[in-house]
Protein backbone atom coordinates (compact mmCIF):
# COMPACT_ATOMS: atom_id res chain seq x y z
CA UNK A 1 9.98 27.78 5.90
CA UNK A 2 10.66 24.44 7.65
CA UNK A 3 7.72 22.98 9.56
CA UNK A 4 8.04 20.05 11.93
CA UNK A 5 5.65 17.71 13.71
CA UNK A 6 5.69 17.47 17.55
CA UNK A 7 8.03 14.45 17.30
CA UNK A 8 10.55 16.54 15.37
CA UNK A 9 9.92 14.92 11.98
CA UNK A 10 9.97 17.43 9.14
CA UNK A 11 6.66 18.19 7.44
CA UNK A 12 6.88 17.50 3.70
CA UNK A 13 4.10 18.16 1.22
CA UNK A 14 4.18 15.02 -0.90
CA UNK A 15 3.33 15.27 -4.56
CA UNK A 16 3.87 11.79 -5.94
CA UNK A 17 2.58 9.92 -8.93
CA UNK A 18 0.88 7.39 -6.66
CA UNK A 19 -1.01 10.21 -4.94
CA UNK A 20 -2.20 11.48 -8.31
CA UNK A 21 -3.38 8.01 -9.26
CA UNK A 22 -5.14 7.63 -5.93
CA UNK A 23 -6.96 10.93 -6.41
CA UNK A 24 -8.29 9.67 -9.72
CA UNK A 25 -10.04 6.86 -7.85
CA UNK A 26 -12.07 9.35 -5.84
CA UNK A 27 -15.53 9.85 -7.27
CA UNK A 28 -16.03 12.82 -9.57
CA UNK A 29 -18.73 14.16 -7.26
CA UNK A 30 -16.03 14.92 -4.70
CA UNK A 31 -13.47 16.15 -7.26
CA UNK A 32 -10.52 15.14 -5.09
CA UNK A 33 -11.35 17.45 -2.19
CA UNK A 34 -10.22 16.50 1.28
CA UNK A 35 -12.67 15.93 4.09
CA UNK A 36 -11.46 19.15 5.69
CA UNK A 37 -12.17 21.11 2.49
CA UNK A 38 -15.71 19.76 2.32
CA UNK A 39 -16.41 20.39 6.00
CA UNK A 40 -15.08 23.93 5.80
CA UNK A 41 -17.38 24.63 2.83
CA UNK A 42 -20.26 23.07 4.74
CA UNK A 43 -19.60 25.22 7.79
CA UNK A 44 -19.48 28.35 5.63
CA UNK A 45 -22.87 27.39 4.20
CA UNK A 46 -24.32 26.77 7.69
CA UNK A 47 -23.02 30.15 8.90
CA UNK A 48 -24.24 32.09 5.86
CA UNK A 49 -27.71 30.56 6.12
CA UNK A 50 -28.09 30.90 9.88
CA UNK A 51 -28.11 27.14 10.47
CA UNK A 52 -25.19 26.79 12.91
CA UNK A 53 -21.96 28.46 13.98
CA UNK A 54 -19.19 25.87 13.72
CA UNK A 55 -15.53 26.51 12.93
CA UNK A 56 -12.30 24.59 12.54
CA UNK A 57 -9.94 25.16 15.42
CA UNK A 58 -6.59 26.64 14.32
CA UNK A 59 -3.59 24.31 14.45
CA UNK A 60 -1.13 25.67 17.04
CA UNK A 61 2.38 26.33 15.70
CA UNK A 62 5.51 27.04 17.73
CA UNK A 63 7.97 29.34 15.96
CA UNK A 64 11.61 28.61 16.79
CA UNK A 65 13.64 30.52 14.20
CA UNK A 66 12.83 33.96 12.80
CA UNK A 67 15.08 36.12 10.62
CA UNK A 68 14.72 39.88 10.33
CA UNK A 69 16.14 40.96 6.95
CA UNK A 70 14.68 44.41 7.56
CA UNK A 71 13.15 46.24 10.50
CA UNK A 72 9.70 46.09 8.95
CA UNK A 73 9.92 42.46 7.82
CA UNK A 74 10.19 39.10 9.57
CA UNK A 75 10.79 35.74 7.87
CA UNK A 76 9.91 32.53 9.72
CA UNK A 77 12.63 29.96 8.98
CA UNK A 78 11.59 27.10 11.23
CA UNK A 79 8.43 26.15 13.13
CA UNK A 80 6.82 23.10 14.72
CA UNK A 81 3.23 21.91 14.69
CA UNK A 82 2.10 21.55 18.28
CA UNK A 83 -0.03 18.53 19.01
CA UNK A 84 -3.67 19.59 19.07
CA UNK A 85 -5.04 19.36 22.59
CA UNK A 86 -8.63 18.58 21.64
CA UNK A 87 -10.53 18.05 18.37
CA UNK A 88 -10.85 19.63 14.93
CA UNK A 89 -14.16 21.49 15.07
CA UNK A 90 -16.50 23.10 17.59
CA UNK A 91 -19.44 25.47 17.72
CA UNK A 92 -23.12 25.85 18.54
CA UNK A 93 -26.29 24.42 16.99
CA UNK A 94 -29.79 24.88 18.43
CA UNK A 95 -28.28 25.96 21.74
CA UNK A 96 -26.14 22.83 21.98
CA UNK A 97 -22.36 22.82 22.11
CA UNK A 98 -20.98 20.79 19.20
CA UNK A 99 -17.50 19.26 19.17
CA UNK A 100 -16.09 16.78 16.67
CA UNK A 101 -13.04 15.26 15.03
CA UNK A 102 -12.76 14.55 11.29
CA UNK A 103 -10.66 11.69 9.91
CA UNK A 104 -10.24 9.94 6.59
CA UNK A 105 -8.50 6.78 5.45
CA UNK A 106 -7.38 5.28 2.15
CA UNK A 107 -8.34 1.81 3.40
CA UNK A 108 -11.57 0.36 2.06
CA UNK A 109 -12.01 -2.29 4.75
CA UNK A 110 -11.28 -0.68 8.14
CA UNK A 111 -10.38 2.50 10.03
CA UNK A 112 -7.20 2.41 12.18
CA UNK A 113 -7.79 3.59 15.74
CA UNK A 114 -4.21 4.92 15.86
CA UNK A 115 -5.61 7.95 14.00
CA UNK A 116 -7.11 9.05 17.32
CA UNK A 117 -5.25 10.13 20.45
CA UNK A 118 -6.10 9.36 24.05
CA UNK A 119 -6.53 13.05 24.88
CA UNK A 120 -9.09 13.43 22.07
CA UNK A 121 -11.14 10.50 23.37
CA UNK A 122 -11.05 11.93 26.89
CA UNK A 123 -11.96 15.41 25.63
CA UNK A 124 -15.06 14.11 23.86
CA UNK A 125 -16.09 12.19 26.99
CA UNK A 126 -15.90 15.43 28.97
CA UNK A 127 -17.95 17.29 26.34
CA UNK A 128 -20.74 14.70 26.58
CA UNK A 129 -20.54 14.74 30.38
CA UNK A 130 -21.25 18.50 30.28
CA UNK A 131 -24.29 18.04 28.03
CA UNK A 132 -22.59 18.77 24.70
CA UNK A 133 -22.67 16.64 21.56
CA UNK A 134 -19.39 15.00 20.51
CA UNK A 135 -18.78 12.77 17.52
CA UNK A 136 -16.36 11.87 14.75
CA UNK A 137 -16.84 12.11 11.00
CA UNK A 138 -15.04 9.33 9.15
CA UNK A 139 -14.49 9.20 5.40
CA UNK A 140 -13.30 6.21 3.39
CA UNK A 141 -11.62 8.31 0.70
CA UNK A 142 -11.46 5.72 -2.07
CA UNK A 143 -15.16 4.84 -1.96
CA UNK A 144 -16.29 8.23 -0.60
CA UNK A 145 -18.33 6.60 2.15
CA UNK A 146 -18.83 9.12 4.98
CA UNK A 147 -20.15 8.37 8.46
CA UNK A 148 -20.97 10.27 11.64
CA UNK A 149 -20.19 8.18 14.71
CA UNK A 150 -21.22 9.37 18.18
CA UNK A 151 -18.33 9.55 20.64
CA UNK A 152 -20.01 6.97 22.89
CA UNK A 153 -19.86 4.43 20.03
CA UNK A 154 -16.22 5.30 19.38
CA UNK A 155 -15.52 4.74 23.09
CA UNK A 156 -16.67 1.13 22.73
CA UNK A 157 -14.16 0.39 19.97
CA UNK A 158 -11.43 2.31 21.80
CA UNK A 159 -11.97 0.30 24.98
CA UNK A 160 -12.02 -2.91 22.96
CA UNK A 161 -8.56 -2.04 21.62
CA UNK A 162 -7.23 -1.20 25.11
CA UNK A 163 -8.49 -4.58 26.32
CA UNK A 164 -6.47 -6.42 23.69
CA UNK A 165 -8.98 -6.40 20.84
CA UNK A 166 -8.46 -5.30 17.25
CA UNK A 167 -6.73 -1.98 16.61
CA UNK A 168 -9.18 -0.85 13.97
CA UNK A 169 -12.90 -0.60 13.29
CA UNK A 170 -14.15 -2.55 10.30
CA UNK A 171 -16.06 -0.78 7.57
CA UNK A 172 -19.06 -2.95 8.40
CA UNK A 173 -18.90 -2.03 12.10
CA UNK A 174 -18.78 1.66 11.26
CA UNK A 175 -21.69 1.27 8.87
CA UNK A 176 -23.85 -0.47 11.47
CA UNK A 177 -23.03 1.87 14.37
CA UNK A 178 -22.97 5.23 12.61
CA UNK A 179 -25.13 7.65 10.63
CA UNK A 180 -24.41 7.56 6.89
CA UNK A 181 -23.73 10.98 5.32
CA UNK A 182 -23.67 11.90 1.64
CA UNK A 183 -21.86 14.38 -0.59
CA UNK A 184 -24.10 17.12 -1.95
CA UNK A 185 -23.82 20.56 -3.48
CA UNK A 186 -24.99 22.98 -0.78
CA UNK A 187 -24.08 21.96 1.83
CA UNK A 188 -21.31 19.60 0.77
CA UNK A 189 -21.66 17.24 3.75
CA UNK A 190 -24.91 17.88 5.59
CA UNK A 191 -23.83 16.49 8.95
CA UNK A 192 -26.45 18.62 10.71
CA UNK A 193 -28.93 15.90 9.73
CA UNK A 194 -26.83 13.50 11.79
CA UNK A 195 -26.87 15.87 14.75
CA UNK A 196 -30.66 16.19 14.41
CA UNK A 197 -30.87 12.40 14.64
CA UNK A 198 -28.83 12.50 17.87
CA UNK A 199 -30.98 15.29 19.30
CA UNK A 200 -34.16 13.39 18.52
CA UNK A 201 -33.01 10.61 20.85
CA UNK A 202 -32.44 13.11 23.67
CA UNK A 203 -36.02 14.40 23.69
């Protein structure tokens, strides 16, 4: 089946030697898992233990070509990823609506703001305006440094870029303006501790 991005570019699952070498640089504690894998495992743990109900939003796909080799069978030949309208994850914790985006980068020095979209920034602003909690989880994949940054802090760096400033956030800036998270066993990434820190400031 052919999958395409919203801009029409074909989706290709790359399996290159360089990728394999890069994966080897990731700490053994993470065993090469993606941020999405770890967050999904974390959310399953939260749900199973009655901590929170948070899920990944499904990626919308537009099907454009379907073949019917038999009446009881359909084969999708071509489809396009639709651009997500909001963020990656949402749910409820302690009666609060939770909404966040998860991103990772291979860079060790900065995080490119081009990884976010204007509609995602605006969506998180609206969530906060309605009393919800919005944030981003950023992972530096090579060093396995993981941070939870409140959307209000991200807004500062976004506005700085729009006003002609740098188009990325330095690792140091993220470290000083975010909550540091760690990889564990159960849960894998206990970001609820970061949310608790946010909630404590609202009391």
